[in-house]
């Protein structure tokens, strides 16, 4: 399984593979539902990718972004076990660069 932290890395990976690519978007701290989506994607596509990104724009002003559970090492191990080919785990700055 490959880990990409930058958009450019995902683009390079995508150009290197041929066939269908399934995508499982997550905010991390995975559970069995996420893993089932990954397994379904693996069964239906040539490749499967997943994202792990705690998107700050999905939190309201009274919701605590800082307390959202995160465990990247755990999540990566779970996705690798399901056979995911690529995980995109960008930083906030990668997704929302200065001036966004």
PDB file of N, CA and C in Angstrom:
ATOM      1  N   UNK A   1       0.851  -1.179   0.000  1.00  0.00           N
ATOM      2  CA  UNK A   1       0.000   0.000   0.000  1.00  0.00           C
ATOM      3  C   UNK A   1       0.892   1.236   0.000  1.00  0.00           C
ATOM      4  N   UNK A   2       0.511   2.187  -0.803  1.00  0.00           N
ATOM      5  CA  UNK A   2       1.261   3.438  -0.908  1.00  0.00           C
ATOM      6  C   UNK A   2       0.538   4.535  -0.129  1.00  0.00           C
ATOM      7  N   UNK A   3       1.313   5.384   0.532  1.00  0.00           N
ATOM      8  CA  UNK A   3       0.769   6.540   1.239  1.00  0.00           C
ATOM      9  C   UNK A   3       1.172   7.800   0.484  1.00  0.00           C
ATOM     10  N   UNK A   4       0.190   8.623   0.171  1.00  0.00           N
ATOM     11  CA  UNK A   4       0.443   9.903  -0.495  1.00  0.00           C
ATOM     12  C   UNK A   4      -0.044  11.021   0.426  1.00  0.00           C
ATOM     13  N   UNK A   5       0.778  12.021   0.607  1.00  0.00           N
ATOM     14  CA  UNK A   5       0.403  13.157   1.442  1.00  0.00           C
ATOM     15  C   UNK A   5       0.205  14.425   0.629  1.00  0.00           C
ATOM     16  N   UNK A   6       0.527  14.348  -0.659  1.00  0.00           N
ATOM     17  CA  UNK A   6       0.409  15.519  -1.520  1.00  0.00           C
ATOM     18  C   UNK A   6      -0.441  15.165  -2.744  1.00  0.00           C
ATOM     19  N   UNK A   7      -1.170  16.142  -3.217  1.00  0.00           N
ATOM     20  CA  UNK A   7      -2.025  15.951  -4.390  1.00  0.00           C
ATOM     21  C   UNK A   7      -1.197  15.495  -5.588  1.00  0.00           C
ATOM     22  N   UNK A   8      -0.023  16.068  -5.745  1.00  0.00           N
ATOM     23  CA  UNK A   8       0.839  15.699  -6.874  1.00  0.00           C
ATOM     24  C   UNK A   8       1.209  14.217  -6.839  1.00  0.00           C
ATOM     25  N   UNK A   9       1.385  13.652  -5.663  1.00  0.00           N
ATOM     26  CA  UNK A   9       1.708  12.227  -5.542  1.00  0.00           C
ATOM     27  C   UNK A   9       0.544  11.364  -6.026  1.00  0.00           C
ATOM     28  N   UNK A  10      -0.674  11.779  -5.717  1.00  0.00           N
ATOM     29  CA  UNK A  10      -1.854  11.036  -6.166  1.00  0.00           C
ATOM     30  C   UNK A  10      -1.943  11.083  -7.687  1.00  0.00           C
ATOM     31  N   UNK A  11      -1.674  12.235  -8.244  1.00  0.00           N
ATOM     32  CA  UNK A  11      -1.727  12.366  -9.714  1.00  0.00           C
ATOM     33  C   UNK A  11      -0.697  11.467 -10.388  1.00  0.00           C
ATOM     34  N   UNK A  12       0.512  11.410  -9.840  1.00  0.00           N
ATOM     35  CA  UNK A  12       1.551  10.536 -10.402  1.00  0.00           C
ATOM     36  C   UNK A  12       1.117   9.082 -10.301  1.00  0.00           C
ATOM     37  N   UNK A  13       0.601   8.694  -9.130  1.00  0.00           N
ATOM     38  CA  UNK A  13       0.136   7.312  -8.947  1.00  0.00           C
ATOM     39  C   UNK A  13      -0.956   6.984  -9.959  1.00  0.00           C
ATOM     40  N   UNK A  14      -1.926   7.871 -10.109  1.00  0.00           N
ATOM     41  CA  UNK A  14      -3.052   7.600 -11.018  1.00  0.00           C
ATOM     42  C   UNK A  14      -2.578   7.420 -12.454  1.00  0.00           C
ATOM     43  N   UNK A  15      -1.607   8.210 -12.853  1.00  0.00           N
ATOM     44  CA  UNK A  15      -1.085   8.063 -14.213  1.00  0.00           C
ATOM     45  C   UNK A  15      -0.324   6.750 -14.387  1.00  0.00           C
ATOM     46  N   UNK A  16       0.121   6.151 -13.293  1.00  0.00           N
ATOM     47  CA  UNK A  16       0.930   4.933 -13.374  1.00  0.00           C
ATOM     48  C   UNK A  16       0.099   3.648 -13.417  1.00  0.00           C
ATOM     49  N   UNK A  17      -1.198   3.751 -13.154  1.00  0.00           N
ATOM     50  CA  UNK A  17      -2.035   2.549 -13.138  1.00  0.00           C
ATOM     51  C   UNK A  17      -3.054   2.594 -14.269  1.00  0.00           C
ATOM     52  N   UNK A  18      -3.447   1.427 -14.708  1.00  0.00           N
ATOM     53  CA  UNK A  18      -4.453   1.317 -15.762  1.00  0.00           C
ATOM     54  C   UNK A  18      -5.630   0.535 -15.208  1.00  0.00           C
ATOM     55  N   UNK A  19      -6.809   1.043 -15.444  1.00  0.00           N
ATOM     56  CA  UNK A  19      -8.010   0.358 -14.998  1.00  0.00           C
ATOM     57  C   UNK A  19      -8.857   1.252 -14.118  1.00  0.00           C
ATOM     58  N   UNK A  20      -9.892   0.660 -13.569  1.00  0.00           N
ATOM     59  CA  UNK A  20     -10.825   1.423 -12.734  1.00  0.00           C
ATOM     60  C   UNK A  20     -10.244   1.620 -11.333  1.00  0.00           C
ATOM     61  N   UNK A  21     -10.584   2.769 -10.756  1.00  0.00           N
ATOM     62  CA  UNK A  21     -10.114   3.109  -9.415  1.00  0.00           C
ATOM     63  C   UNK A  21     -11.323   3.479  -8.558  1.00  0.00           C
ATOM     64  N   UNK A  22     -11.519   2.735  -7.484  1.00  0.00           N
ATOM     65  CA  UNK A  22     -12.554   3.054  -6.507  1.00  0.00           C
ATOM     66  C   UNK A  22     -11.983   3.990  -5.456  1.00  0.00           C
ATOM     67  N   UNK A  23     -12.856   4.779  -4.850  1.00  0.00           N
ATOM     68  CA  UNK A  23     -12.419   5.782  -3.867  1.00  0.00           C
ATOM     69  C   UNK A  23     -13.304   5.715  -2.631  1.00  0.00           C
ATOM     70  N   UNK A  24     -12.677   5.623  -1.473  1.00  0.00           N
ATOM     71  CA  UNK A  24     -13.379   5.587  -0.196  1.00  0.00           C
ATOM     72  C   UNK A  24     -12.926   6.803   0.616  1.00  0.00           C
ATOM     73  N   UNK A  25     -13.713   7.873   0.625  1.00  0.00           N
ATOM     74  CA  UNK A  25     -13.333   9.070   1.386  1.00  0.00           C
ATOM     75  C   UNK A  25     -13.683   8.890   2.865  1.00  0.00           C
ATOM     76  N   UNK A  26     -12.746   9.232   3.749  1.00  0.00           N
ATOM     77  CA  UNK A  26     -13.002   9.132   5.184  1.00  0.00           C
ATOM     78  C   UNK A  26     -12.385  10.327   5.898  1.00  0.00           C
ATOM     79  N   UNK A  27     -12.810  10.488   7.142  1.00  0.00           N
ATOM     80  CA  UNK A  27     -12.162  11.450   8.029  1.00  0.00           C
ATOM     81  C   UNK A  27     -11.318  10.702   9.065  1.00  0.00           C
ATOM     82  N   UNK A  28     -11.013   9.458   8.760  1.00  0.00           N
ATOM     83  CA  UNK A  28     -10.168   8.682   9.646  1.00  0.00           C
ATOM     84  C   UNK A  28     -10.915   8.100  10.830  1.00  0.00           C
ATOM     85  N   UNK A  29     -10.147   7.575  11.757  1.00  0.00           N
ATOM     86  CA  UNK A  29     -10.650   6.816  12.901  1.00  0.00           C
ATOM     87  C   UNK A  29     -11.679   5.801  12.402  1.00  0.00           C
ATOM     88  N   UNK A  30     -11.170   4.906  11.559  1.00  0.00           N
ATOM     89  CA  UNK A  30     -12.005   3.993  10.789  1.00  0.00           C
ATOM     90  C   UNK A  30     -12.755   2.984  11.644  1.00  0.00           C
ATOM     91  N   UNK A  31     -13.879   2.536  11.094  1.00  0.00           N
ATOM     92  CA  UNK A  31     -14.683   1.483  11.710  1.00  0.00           C
ATOM     93  C   UNK A  31     -15.033   0.471  10.623  1.00  0.00           C
ATOM     94  N   UNK A  32     -15.762  -0.553  10.998  1.00  0.00           N
ATOM     95  CA  UNK A  32     -16.064  -1.643  10.066  1.00  0.00           C
ATOM     96  C   UNK A  32     -16.829  -1.174   8.832  1.00  0.00           C
ATOM     97  N   UNK A  33     -17.637  -0.132   8.949  1.00  0.00           N
ATOM     98  CA  UNK A  33     -18.342   0.390   7.781  1.00  0.00           C
ATOM     99  C   UNK A  33     -17.382   0.904   6.716  1.00  0.00           C
ATOM    100  N   UNK A  34     -16.352   1.626   7.143  1.00  0.00           N
ATOM    101  CA  UNK A  34     -15.332   2.093   6.200  1.00  0.00           C
ATOM    102  C   UNK A  34     -14.640   0.906   5.520  1.00  0.00           C
ATOM    103  N   UNK A  35     -14.313  -0.097   6.321  1.00  0.00           N
ATOM    104  CA  UNK A  35     -13.594  -1.252   5.781  1.00  0.00           C
ATOM    105  C   UNK A  35     -14.468  -2.040   4.812  1.00  0.00           C
ATOM    106  N   UNK A  36     -15.753  -2.101   5.080  1.00  0.00           N
ATOM    107  CA  UNK A  36     -16.662  -2.775   4.152  1.00  0.00           C
ATOM    108  C   UNK A  36     -16.733  -2.018   2.828  1.00  0.00           C
ATOM    109  N   UNK A  37     -16.752  -0.682   2.891  1.00  0.00           N
ATOM    110  CA  UNK A  37     -16.711   0.105   1.654  1.00  0.00           C
ATOM    111  C   UNK A  37     -15.434  -0.177   0.877  1.00  0.00           C
ATOM    112  N   UNK A  38     -14.311  -0.299   1.570  1.00  0.00           N
ATOM    113  CA  UNK A  38     -13.044  -0.611   0.904  1.00  0.00           C
ATOM    114  C   UNK A  38     -13.093  -1.998   0.276  1.00  0.00           C
ATOM    115  N   UNK A  39     -13.655  -2.965   0.986  1.00  0.00           N
ATOM    116  CA  UNK A  39     -13.765  -4.315   0.421  1.00  0.00           C
ATOM    117  C   UNK A  39     -14.669  -4.333  -0.806  1.00  0.00           C
ATOM    118  N   UNK A  40     -15.772  -3.617  -0.751  1.00  0.00           N
ATOM    119  CA  UNK A  40     -16.671  -3.535  -1.924  1.00  0.00           C
ATOM    120  C   UNK A  40     -15.961  -2.883  -3.101  1.00  0.00           C
ATOM    121  N   UNK A  41     -15.197  -1.847  -2.818  1.00  0.00           N
ATOM    122  CA  UNK A  41     -14.444  -1.182  -3.880  1.00  0.00           C
ATOM    123  C   UNK A  41     -13.425  -2.136  -4.494  1.00  0.00           C
ATOM    124  N   UNK A  42     -12.727  -2.899  -3.644  1.00  0.00           N
ATOM    125  CA  UNK A  42     -11.747  -3.865  -4.151  1.00  0.00           C
ATOM    126  C   UNK A  42     -12.419  -4.900  -5.051  1.00  0.00           C
ATOM    127  N   UNK A  43     -13.632  -5.311  -4.699  1.00  0.00           N
ATOM    128  CA  UNK A  43     -14.336  -6.323  -5.481  1.00  0.00           C
ATOM    129  C   UNK A  43     -14.850  -5.769  -6.800  1.00  0.00           C
ATOM    130  N   UNK A  44     -15.028  -4.449  -6.883  1.00  0.00           N
ATOM    131  CA  UNK A  44     -15.653  -3.831  -8.053  1.00  0.00           C
ATOM    132  C   UNK A  44     -14.696  -3.068  -8.958  1.00  0.00           C
ATOM    133  N   UNK A  45     -13.461  -2.887  -8.520  1.00  0.00           N
ATOM    134  CA  UNK A  45     -12.504  -2.059  -9.261  1.00  0.00           C
ATOM    135  C   UNK A  45     -11.147  -2.738  -9.360  1.00  0.00           C
ATOM    136  N   UNK A  46     -10.351  -2.248 -10.283  1.00  0.00           N
ATOM    137  CA  UNK A  46      -8.988  -2.758 -10.419  1.00  0.00           C
ATOM    138  C   UNK A  46      -8.091  -2.268  -9.280  1.00  0.00           C
ATOM    139  N   UNK A  47      -8.346  -1.071  -8.796  1.00  0.00           N
ATOM    140  CA  UNK A  47      -7.563  -0.461  -7.716  1.00  0.00           C
ATOM    141  C   UNK A  47      -8.518   0.242  -6.762  1.00  0.00           C
ATOM    142  N   UNK A  48      -8.090   0.376  -5.526  1.00  0.00           N
ATOM    143  CA  UNK A  48      -8.880   1.102  -4.542  1.00  0.00           C
ATOM    144  C   UNK A  48      -8.003   2.093  -3.806  1.00  0.00           C
ATOM    145  N   UNK A  49      -8.522   3.302  -3.687  1.00  0.00           N
ATOM    146  CA  UNK A  49      -7.858   4.345  -2.915  1.00  0.00           C
ATOM    147  C   UNK A  49      -8.789   4.760  -1.775  1.00  0.00           C
ATOM    148  N   UNK A  50      -8.188   5.304  -0.747  1.00  0.00           N
ATOM    149  CA  UNK A  50      -8.958   5.855   0.364  1.00  0.00           C
ATOM    150  C   UNK A  50      -8.303   7.165   0.767  1.00  0.00           C
ATOM    151  N   UNK A  51      -9.101   8.042   1.301  1.00  0.00           N
ATOM    152  CA  UNK A  51      -8.533   9.272   1.852  1.00  0.00           C
ATOM    153  C   UNK A  51      -8.789   9.301   3.344  1.00  0.00           C
ATOM    154  N   UNK A  52      -7.873   9.934   4.042  1.00  0.00           N
ATOM    155  CA  UNK A  52      -8.025  10.197   5.471  1.00  0.00           C
ATOM    156  C   UNK A  52      -7.736  11.682   5.641  1.00  0.00           C
ATOM    157  N   UNK A  53      -8.791  12.437   5.845  1.00  0.00           N
ATOM    158  CA  UNK A  53      -8.639  13.889   5.992  1.00  0.00           C
ATOM    159  C   UNK A  53      -9.742  14.414   6.892  1.00  0.00           C
ATOM    160  N   UNK A  54      -9.343  14.949   8.032  1.00  0.00           N
ATOM    161  CA  UNK A  54     -10.296  15.588   8.937  1.00  0.00           C
ATOM    162  C   UNK A  54     -10.491  17.005   8.411  1.00  0.00           C
ATOM    163  N   UNK A  55     -11.584  17.184   7.711  1.00  0.00           N
ATOM    164  CA  UNK A  55     -11.843  18.427   6.996  1.00  0.00           C
ATOM    165  C   UNK A  55     -12.405  19.490   7.949  1.00  0.00           C
ATOM    166  N   UNK A  56     -11.650  20.551   8.185  1.00  0.00           N
ATOM    167  CA  UNK A  56     -12.127  21.570   9.118  1.00  0.00           C
ATOM    168  C   UNK A  56     -13.405  22.265   8.669  1.00  0.00           C
ATOM    169  N   UNK A  57     -13.681  22.255   7.360  1.00  0.00           N
ATOM    170  CA  UNK A  57     -14.889  22.932   6.878  1.00  0.00           C
ATOM    171  C   UNK A  57     -16.158  22.138   7.186  1.00  0.00           C
ATOM    172  N   UNK A  58     -16.008  20.897   7.647  1.00  0.00           N
ATOM    173  CA  UNK A  58     -17.168  20.082   7.992  1.00  0.00           C
ATOM    174  C   UNK A  58     -17.598  20.265   9.452  1.00  0.00           C
ATOM    175  N   UNK A  59     -16.898  21.117  10.179  1.00  0.00           N
ATOM    176  CA  UNK A  59     -17.211  21.342  11.582  1.00  0.00           C
ATOM    177  C   UNK A  59     -17.849  22.708  11.752  1.00  0.00           C
ATOM    178  N   UNK A  60     -18.923  22.748  12.500  1.00  0.00           N
ATOM    179  CA  UNK A  60     -19.580  24.013  12.800  1.00  0.00           C
ATOM    180  C   UNK A  60     -18.836  24.771  13.880  1.00  0.00           C
ATOM    181  N   UNK A  61     -19.241  26.017  14.135  1.00  0.00           N
ATOM    182  CA  UNK A  61     -18.543  26.849  15.105  1.00  0.00           C
ATOM    183  C   UNK A  61     -18.584  26.298  16.536  1.00  0.00           C
ATOM    184  N   UNK A  62     -19.573  25.500  16.857  1.00  0.00           N
ATOM    185  CA  UNK A  62     -19.661  24.947  18.215  1.00  0.00           C
ATOM    186  C   UNK A  62     -19.151  23.507  18.291  1.00  0.00           C
ATOM    187  N   UNK A  63     -18.644  22.981  17.186  1.00  0.00           N
ATOM    188  CA  UNK A  63     -18.094  21.629  17.166  1.00  0.00           C
ATOM    189  C   UNK A  63     -16.581  21.714  17.318  1.00  0.00           C
ATOM    190  N   UNK A  64     -16.007  20.762  18.042  1.00  0.00           N
ATOM    191  CA  UNK A  64     -14.596  20.838  18.385  1.00  0.00           C
ATOM    192  C   UNK A  64     -13.734  19.998  17.441  1.00  0.00           C
ATOM    193  N   UNK A  65     -13.198  20.663  16.443  1.00  0.00           N
ATOM    194  CA  UNK A  65     -12.308  20.010  15.480  1.00  0.00           C
ATOM    195  C   UNK A  65     -11.117  19.370  16.189  1.00  0.00           C
ATOM    196  N   UNK A  66     -10.565  20.041  17.180  1.00  0.00           N
ATOM    197  CA  UNK A  66      -9.367  19.548  17.863  1.00  0.00           C
ATOM    198  C   UNK A  66      -9.609  18.224  18.595  1.00  0.00           C
ATOM    199  N   UNK A  67     -10.843  17.957  18.997  1.00  0.00           N
ATOM    200  CA  UNK A  67     -11.100  16.733  19.759  1.00  0.00           C
ATOM    201  C   UNK A  67     -11.533  15.563  18.871  1.00  0.00           C
ATOM    202  N   UNK A  68     -11.618  15.766  17.559  1.00  0.00           N
ATOM    203  CA  UNK A  68     -11.992  14.661  16.677  1.00  0.00           C
ATOM    204  C   UNK A  68     -10.913  13.583  16.779  1.00  0.00           C
ATOM    205  N   UNK A  69     -11.291  12.321  16.974  1.00  0.00           N
ATOM    206  CA  UNK A  69     -10.273  11.272  17.171  1.00  0.00           C
ATOM    207  C   UNK A  69      -9.442  11.035  15.912  1.00  0.00           C
ATOM    208  N   UNK A  70      -8.150  10.860  16.144  1.00  0.00           N
ATOM    209  CA  UNK A  70      -7.215  10.608  15.044  1.00  0.00           C
ATOM    210  C   UNK A  70      -6.224   9.523  15.461  1.00  0.00           C
ATOM    211  N   UNK A  71      -5.986   8.575  14.569  1.00  0.00           N
ATOM    212  CA  UNK A  71      -4.978   7.542  14.802  1.00  0.00           C
ATOM    213  C   UNK A  71      -4.544   7.017  13.434  1.00  0.00           C
ATOM    214  N   UNK A  72      -3.680   7.783  12.776  1.00  0.00           N
ATOM    215  CA  UNK A  72      -3.280   7.465  11.408  1.00  0.00           C
ATOM    216  C   UNK A  72      -2.626   6.092  11.313  1.00  0.00           C
ATOM    217  N   UNK A  73      -1.771   5.763  12.254  1.00  0.00           N
ATOM    218  CA  UNK A  73      -1.079   4.469  12.203  1.00  0.00           C
ATOM    219  C   UNK A  73      -2.095   3.321  12.228  1.00  0.00           C
ATOM    220  N   UNK A  74      -3.069   3.401  13.097  1.00  0.00           N
ATOM    221  CA  UNK A  74      -4.134   2.397  13.194  1.00  0.00           C
ATOM    222  C   UNK A  74      -4.935   2.321  11.898  1.00  0.00           C
ATOM    223  N   UNK A  75      -5.323   3.495  11.385  1.00  0.00           N
ATOM    224  CA  UNK A  75      -6.119   3.539  10.159  1.00  0.00           C
ATOM    225  C   UNK A  75      -5.357   2.948   8.974  1.00  0.00           C
ATOM    226  N   UNK A  76      -4.085   3.276   8.853  1.00  0.00           N
ATOM    227  CA  UNK A  76      -3.284   2.738   7.753  1.00  0.00           C
ATOM    228  C   UNK A  76      -3.177   1.221   7.837  1.00  0.00           C
ATOM    229  N   UNK A  77      -2.993   0.703   9.027  1.00  0.00           N
ATOM    230  CA  UNK A  77      -2.908  -0.753   9.195  1.00  0.00           C
ATOM    231  C   UNK A  77      -4.217  -1.415   8.786  1.00  0.00           C
ATOM    232  N   UNK A  78      -5.334  -0.823   9.154  1.00  0.00           N
ATOM    233  CA  UNK A  78      -6.635  -1.385   8.804  1.00  0.00           C
ATOM    234  C   UNK A  78      -6.859  -1.365   7.296  1.00  0.00           C
ATOM    235  N   UNK A  79      -6.491  -0.273   6.652  1.00  0.00           N
ATOM    236  CA  UNK A  79      -6.671  -0.176   5.196  1.00  0.00           C
ATOM    237  C   UNK A  79      -5.727  -1.112   4.456  1.00  0.00           C
ATOM    238  N   UNK A  80      -4.515  -1.257   4.960  1.00  0.00           N
ATOM    239  CA  UNK A  80      -3.586  -2.187   4.324  1.00  0.00           C
ATOM    240  C   UNK A  80      -4.118  -3.612   4.407  1.00  0.00           C
ATOM    241  N   UNK A  81      -4.708  -3.956   5.528  1.00  0.00           N
ATOM    242  CA  UNK A  81      -5.260  -5.293   5.709  1.00  0.00           C
ATOM    243  C   UNK A  81      -6.395  -5.588   4.715  1.00  0.00           C
ATOM    244  N   UNK A  82      -7.133  -4.553   4.326  1.00  0.00           N
ATOM    245  CA  UNK A  82      -8.222  -4.755   3.357  1.00  0.00           C
ATOM    246  C   UNK A  82      -7.722  -4.745   1.920  1.00  0.00           C
ATOM    247  N   UNK A  83      -6.449  -4.416   1.704  1.00  0.00           N
ATOM    248  CA  UNK A  83      -5.902  -4.447   0.355  1.00  0.00           C
ATOM    249  C   UNK A  83      -6.001  -3.141  -0.407  1.00  0.00           C
ATOM    250  N   UNK A  84      -6.236  -2.037   0.299  1.00  0.00           N
ATOM    251  CA  UNK A  84      -6.281  -0.727  -0.370  1.00  0.00           C
ATOM    252  C   UNK A  84      -4.916  -0.460  -1.009  1.00  0.00           C
ATOM    253  N   UNK A  85      -4.932   0.093  -2.205  1.00  0.00           N
ATOM    254  CA  UNK A  85      -3.698   0.316  -2.964  1.00  0.00           C
ATOM    255  C   UNK A  85      -3.017   1.628  -2.627  1.00  0.00           C
ATOM    256  N   UNK A  86      -3.809   2.671  -2.386  1.00  0.00           N
ATOM    257  CA  UNK A  86      -3.252   3.997  -2.119  1.00  0.00           C
ATOM    258  C   UNK A  86      -4.112   4.693  -1.068  1.00  0.00           C
ATOM    259  N   UNK A  87      -3.451   5.322  -0.108  1.00  0.00           N
ATOM    260  CA  UNK A  87      -4.143   6.160   0.875  1.00  0.00           C
ATOM    261  C   UNK A  87      -3.638   7.581   0.715  1.00  0.00           C
ATOM    262  N   UNK A  88      -4.569   8.489   0.564  1.00  0.00           N
ATOM    263  CA  UNK A  88      -4.258   9.915   0.482  1.00  0.00           C
ATOM    264  C   UNK A  88      -4.568  10.524   1.841  1.00  0.00           C
ATOM    265  N   UNK A  89      -3.525  10.974   2.541  1.00  0.00           N
ATOM    266  CA  UNK A  89      -3.675  11.555   3.873  1.00  0.00           C
ATOM    267  C   UNK A  89      -2.992  12.926   3.885  1.00  0.00           C
ATOM    268  N   UNK A  90      -3.664  13.924   3.335  1.00  0.00           N
ATOM    269  CA  UNK A  90      -3.048  15.250   3.217  1.00  0.00           C
ATOM    270  C   UNK A  90      -3.139  16.046   4.525  1.00  0.00           C
ATOM    271  N   UNK A  91      -2.318  17.053   4.606  1.00  0.00           N
ATOM    272  CA  UNK A  91      -2.415  18.017   5.707  1.00  0.00           C
ATOM    273  C   UNK A  91      -3.485  19.047   5.355  1.00  0.00           C
ATOM    274  N   UNK A  92      -3.878  19.813   6.334  1.00  0.00           N
ATOM    275  CA  UNK A  92      -4.809  20.905   6.071  1.00  0.00           C
ATOM    276  C   UNK A  92      -4.233  21.914   5.105  1.00  0.00           C
ATOM    277  N   UNK A  93      -2.944  22.179   5.232  1.00  0.00           N
ATOM    278  CA  UNK A  93      -2.293  23.140   4.328  1.00  0.00           C
ATOM    279  C   UNK A  93      -2.260  22.646   2.890  1.00  0.00           C
ATOM    280  N   UNK A  94      -2.159  21.329   2.708  1.00  0.00           N
ATOM    281  CA  UNK A  94      -2.172  20.778   1.348  1.00  0.00           C
ATOM    282  C   UNK A  94      -3.538  20.996   0.696  1.00  0.00           C
ATOM    283  N   UNK A  95      -4.586  20.805   1.459  1.00  0.00           N
ATOM    284  CA  UNK A  95      -5.933  20.941   0.918  1.00  0.00           C
ATOM    285  C   UNK A  95      -6.413  22.376   0.860  1.00  0.00           C
ATOM    286  N   UNK A  96      -5.966  23.189   1.796  1.00  0.00           N
ATOM    287  CA  UNK A  96      -6.377  24.594   1.863  1.00  0.00           C
ATOM    288  C   UNK A  96      -5.124  25.470   1.974  1.00  0.00           C
ATOM    289  N   UNK A  97      -4.413  25.671   0.872  1.00  0.00           N
ATOM    290  CA  UNK A  97      -3.178  26.446   0.908  1.00  0.00           C
ATOM    291  C   UNK A  97      -3.449  27.919   1.257  1.00  0.00           C
ATOM    292  N   UNK A  98      -2.396  28.574   1.624  1.00  0.00           N
ATOM    293  CA  UNK A  98      -2.479  30.002   1.965  1.00  0.00           C
ATOM    294  C   UNK A  98      -3.202  30.770   0.863  1.00  0.00           C
ATOM    295  N   UNK A  99      -4.149  31.600   1.237  1.00  0.00           N
ATOM    296  CA  UNK A  99      -4.888  32.370   0.262  1.00  0.00           C
ATOM    297  C   UNK A  99      -6.147  31.703  -0.226  1.00  0.00           C
ATOM    298  N   UNK A 100      -6.416  30.479   0.256  1.00  0.00           N
ATOM    299  CA  UNK A 100      -7.610  29.764  -0.197  1.00  0.00           C
ATOM    300  C   UNK A 100      -8.851  30.538   0.171  1.00  0.00           C
TER     301      UNK A 100
END
